[in-house]
Amino acid sequence: HKAMAALSVGTLLHQARSYGALSHRHLVHLVAAFSLATPGGAVVGMCVNLFVEGSQGSGVCTALGAGTFMHVATMEIMQHELQDTKYASRRAKLVAILAGFSVFACTIPWA
């Protein structure tokens, strides 16, 4: 999924650069940070597994990943989607969000 994330981030950065909202230097810093995120996460995961006993290290890394995913979903994506009523009503979007959360909540016992 890294390729799709890179395409998405690259498109957004290109748009920001095209509108003059992003300097070349800032663009380079953001691309470098994105490029180092995966190796940096691997190093953090290895360090956590070294210093935490048993499967707790894996649990900590999973919790960090899930928390990051939930933060991005709730603060960035859902906020934008609920404000835009171009394609569907807010009520329909809210029902879809709640249905998605419910499906994931039902799968927790098998995770």
C-alpha atoms as a PDB file:
ATOM      1  CA  HIS A   1       0.000   0.000   0.000  1.00  0.00           C
ATOM      2  CA  LYS A   2       3.056   2.240   0.135  1.00  0.00           C
ATOM      3  CA  ALA A   3       2.835   2.915  -3.607  1.00  0.00           C
ATOM      4  CA  MET A   4      -0.752   4.139  -3.344  1.00  0.00           C
ATOM      5  CA  ALA A   5       0.121   6.313  -0.350  1.00  0.00           C
ATOM      6  CA  ALA A   6       3.095   7.746  -2.249  1.00  0.00           C
ATOM      7  CA  LEU A   7       0.885   8.523  -5.253  1.00  0.00           C
ATOM      8  CA  SER A   8      -1.661  10.248  -3.031  1.00  0.00           C
ATOM      9  CA  VAL A   9       0.929  12.268  -1.108  1.00  0.00           C
ATOM     10  CA  GLY A  10       2.765  13.151  -4.312  1.00  0.00           C
ATOM     11  CA  THR A  11      -0.431  14.410  -5.926  1.00  0.00           C
ATOM     12  CA  LEU A  12      -1.286  16.573  -2.923  1.00  0.00           C
ATOM     13  CA  LEU A  13       2.237  17.976  -2.735  1.00  0.00           C
ATOM     14  CA  HIS A  14       2.187  18.752  -6.463  1.00  0.00           C
ATOM     15  CA  GLN A  15      -1.120  20.594  -6.071  1.00  0.00           C
ATOM     16  CA  ALA A  16       0.195  22.582  -3.120  1.00  0.00           C
ATOM     17  CA  ARG A  17       3.358  23.456  -5.050  1.00  0.00           C
ATOM     18  CA  SER A  18       1.319  24.463  -8.123  1.00  0.00           C
ATOM     19  CA  TYR A  19      -0.808  26.855  -6.075  1.00  0.00           C
ATOM     20  CA  GLY A  20       2.286  28.443  -4.540  1.00  0.00           C
ATOM     21  CA  ALA A  21       1.396  27.211  -1.060  1.00  0.00           C
ATOM     22  CA  LEU A  22       4.618  25.239  -0.722  1.00  0.00           C
ATOM     23  CA  SER A  23       8.209  26.322  -1.268  1.00  0.00           C
ATOM     24  CA  HIS A  24      10.689  24.022  -3.000  1.00  0.00           C
ATOM     25  CA  ARG A  25      12.679  23.650   0.212  1.00  0.00           C
ATOM     26  CA  HIS A  26       9.590  22.714   2.225  1.00  0.00           C
ATOM     27  CA  LEU A  27       8.597  20.236  -0.508  1.00  0.00           C
ATOM     28  CA  VAL A  28      11.995  18.530  -0.299  1.00  0.00           C
ATOM     29  CA  HIS A  29      11.699  18.265   3.497  1.00  0.00           C
ATOM     30  CA  LEU A  30       8.223  16.716   3.269  1.00  0.00           C
ATOM     31  CA  VAL A  31       9.296  14.196   0.622  1.00  0.00           C
ATOM     32  CA  ALA A  32      12.329  13.241   2.732  1.00  0.00           C
ATOM     33  CA  ALA A  33      10.140  12.784   5.821  1.00  0.00           C
ATOM     34  CA  PHE A  34       7.717  10.579   3.877  1.00  0.00           C
ATOM     35  CA  SER A  35      10.607   8.539   2.462  1.00  0.00           C
ATOM     36  CA  LEU A  36      12.089   7.955   5.911  1.00  0.00           C
ATOM     37  CA  ALA A  37       8.780   7.049   7.574  1.00  0.00           C
ATOM     38  CA  THR A  38       8.883   3.331   6.711  1.00  0.00           C
ATOM     39  CA  PRO A  39      12.531   2.695   7.666  1.00  0.00           C
ATOM     40  CA  GLY A  40      12.044   4.859  10.754  1.00  0.00           C
ATOM     41  CA  GLY A  41       8.997   2.831  11.744  1.00  0.00           C
ATOM     42  CA  ALA A  42      10.966  -0.389  11.281  1.00  0.00           C
ATOM     43  CA  VAL A  43      13.723   0.904  13.570  1.00  0.00           C
ATOM     44  CA  VAL A  44      11.174   1.955  16.204  1.00  0.00           C
ATOM     45  CA  GLY A  45       9.538  -1.478  15.979  1.00  0.00           C
ATOM     46  CA  MET A  46      12.873  -3.256  16.411  1.00  0.00           C
ATOM     47  CA  CYS A  47      13.743  -1.083  19.418  1.00  0.00           C
ATOM     48  CA  VAL A  48      10.366  -1.709  21.034  1.00  0.00           C
ATOM     49  CA  ASN A  49      10.767  -5.467  20.531  1.00  0.00           C
ATOM     50  CA  LEU A  50      14.259  -5.337  22.064  1.00  0.00           C
ATOM     51  CA  PHE A  51      13.186  -3.521  25.208  1.00  0.00           C
ATOM     52  CA  VAL A  52       9.715  -4.967  25.798  1.00  0.00           C
ATOM     53  CA  GLU A  53       9.284  -8.589  26.831  1.00  0.00           C
ATOM     54  CA  GLY A  54       7.107 -11.122  25.039  1.00  0.00           C
ATOM     55  CA  SER A  55       4.383 -10.145  22.637  1.00  0.00           C
ATOM     56  CA  GLN A  56       3.822  -6.796  24.345  1.00  0.00           C
ATOM     57  CA  GLY A  57       6.203  -5.128  21.887  1.00  0.00           C
ATOM     58  CA  SER A  58       4.114  -6.262  18.956  1.00  0.00           C
ATOM     59  CA  GLY A  59       1.001  -5.028  20.742  1.00  0.00           C
ATOM     60  CA  VAL A  60       2.565  -1.610  21.315  1.00  0.00           C
ATOM     61  CA  CYS A  61       3.509  -1.292  17.632  1.00  0.00           C
ATOM     62  CA  THR A  62       0.053  -2.435  16.522  1.00  0.00           C
ATOM     63  CA  ALA A  63      -1.592   0.063  18.877  1.00  0.00           C
ATOM     64  CA  LEU A  64       0.593   2.892  17.522  1.00  0.00           C
ATOM     65  CA  GLY A  65      -0.286   1.974  13.945  1.00  0.00           C
ATOM     66  CA  ALA A  66      -4.004   1.675  14.686  1.00  0.00           C
ATOM     67  CA  GLY A  67      -4.012   4.961  16.584  1.00  0.00           C
ATOM     68  CA  THR A  68      -2.298   6.747  13.717  1.00  0.00           C
ATOM     69  CA  PHE A  69      -4.789   5.281  11.246  1.00  0.00           C
ATOM     70  CA  MET A  70      -7.755   6.336  13.394  1.00  0.00           C
ATOM     71  CA  HIS A  71      -6.347   9.851  13.823  1.00  0.00           C
ATOM     72  CA  VAL A  72      -5.913  10.373  10.091  1.00  0.00           C
ATOM     73  CA  ALA A  73      -9.335   8.881   9.330  1.00  0.00           C
ATOM     74  CA  THR A  74     -11.215  10.978  11.874  1.00  0.00           C
ATOM     75  CA  MET A  75      -9.341  14.267  11.692  1.00  0.00           C
ATOM     76  CA  GLU A  76      -8.567  14.474   7.985  1.00  0.00           C
ATOM     77  CA  ILE A  77     -10.775  12.288   5.838  1.00  0.00           C
ATOM     78  CA  MET A  78     -14.110  12.167   7.673  1.00  0.00           C
ATOM     79  CA  GLN A  79     -14.076  15.883   8.442  1.00  0.00           C
ATOM     80  CA  HIS A  80     -13.673  16.685   4.751  1.00  0.00           C
ATOM     81  CA  GLU A  81     -16.264  14.133   3.654  1.00  0.00           C
ATOM     82  CA  LEU A  82     -18.919  15.278   6.109  1.00  0.00           C
ATOM     83  CA  GLN A  83     -18.520  18.904   5.017  1.00  0.00           C
ATOM     84  CA  ASP A  84     -18.868  18.090   1.314  1.00  0.00           C
ATOM     85  CA  THR A  85     -22.456  17.216   0.385  1.00  0.00           C
ATOM     86  CA  LYS A  86     -21.876  17.160  -3.371  1.00  0.00           C
ATOM     87  CA  TYR A  87     -22.356  13.412  -3.926  1.00  0.00           C
ATOM     88  CA  ALA A  88     -24.446  12.276  -0.984  1.00  0.00           C
ATOM     89  CA  SER A  89     -26.206  13.628   2.040  1.00  0.00           C
ATOM     90  CA  ARG A  90     -24.464  13.905   5.383  1.00  0.00           C
ATOM     91  CA  ARG A  91     -26.919  11.401   6.830  1.00  0.00           C
ATOM     92  CA  ALA A  92     -26.022   8.788   4.193  1.00  0.00           C
ATOM     93  CA  LYS A  93     -22.315   9.363   4.786  1.00  0.00           C
ATOM     94  CA  LEU A  94     -22.760   9.110   8.551  1.00  0.00           C
ATOM     95  CA  VAL A  95     -24.675   5.828   8.157  1.00  0.00           C
ATOM     96  CA  ALA A  96     -21.865   4.481   5.946  1.00  0.00           C
ATOM     97  CA  ILE A  97     -19.240   5.504   8.521  1.00  0.00           C
ATOM     98  CA  LEU A  98     -21.156   3.872  11.380  1.00  0.00           C
ATOM     99  CA  ALA A  99     -21.689   0.714   9.303  1.00  0.00           C
ATOM    100  CA  GLY A 100     -17.962   0.530   8.589  1.00  0.00           C
ATOM    101  CA  PHE A 101     -17.053   0.960  12.256  1.00  0.00           C
ATOM    102  CA  SER A 102     -19.630  -1.684  13.198  1.00  0.00           C
ATOM    103  CA  VAL A 103     -18.203  -4.217  10.756  1.00  0.00           C
ATOM    104  CA  PHE A 104     -14.703  -3.665  12.106  1.00  0.00           C
ATOM    105  CA  ALA A 105     -15.935  -3.839  15.703  1.00  0.00           C
ATOM    106  CA  CYS A 106     -17.568  -7.204  14.977  1.00  0.00           C
ATOM    107  CA  THR A 107     -14.263  -8.613  13.702  1.00  0.00           C
ATOM    108  CA  ILE A 108     -12.357  -7.768  16.901  1.00  0.00           C
ATOM    109  CA  PRO A 109     -12.886 -11.198  18.531  1.00  0.00           C
ATOM    110  CA  TRP A 110     -11.068 -12.852  15.608  1.00  0.00           C
ATOM    111  CA  ALA A 111      -8.202 -10.366  15.373  1.00  0.00           C
END
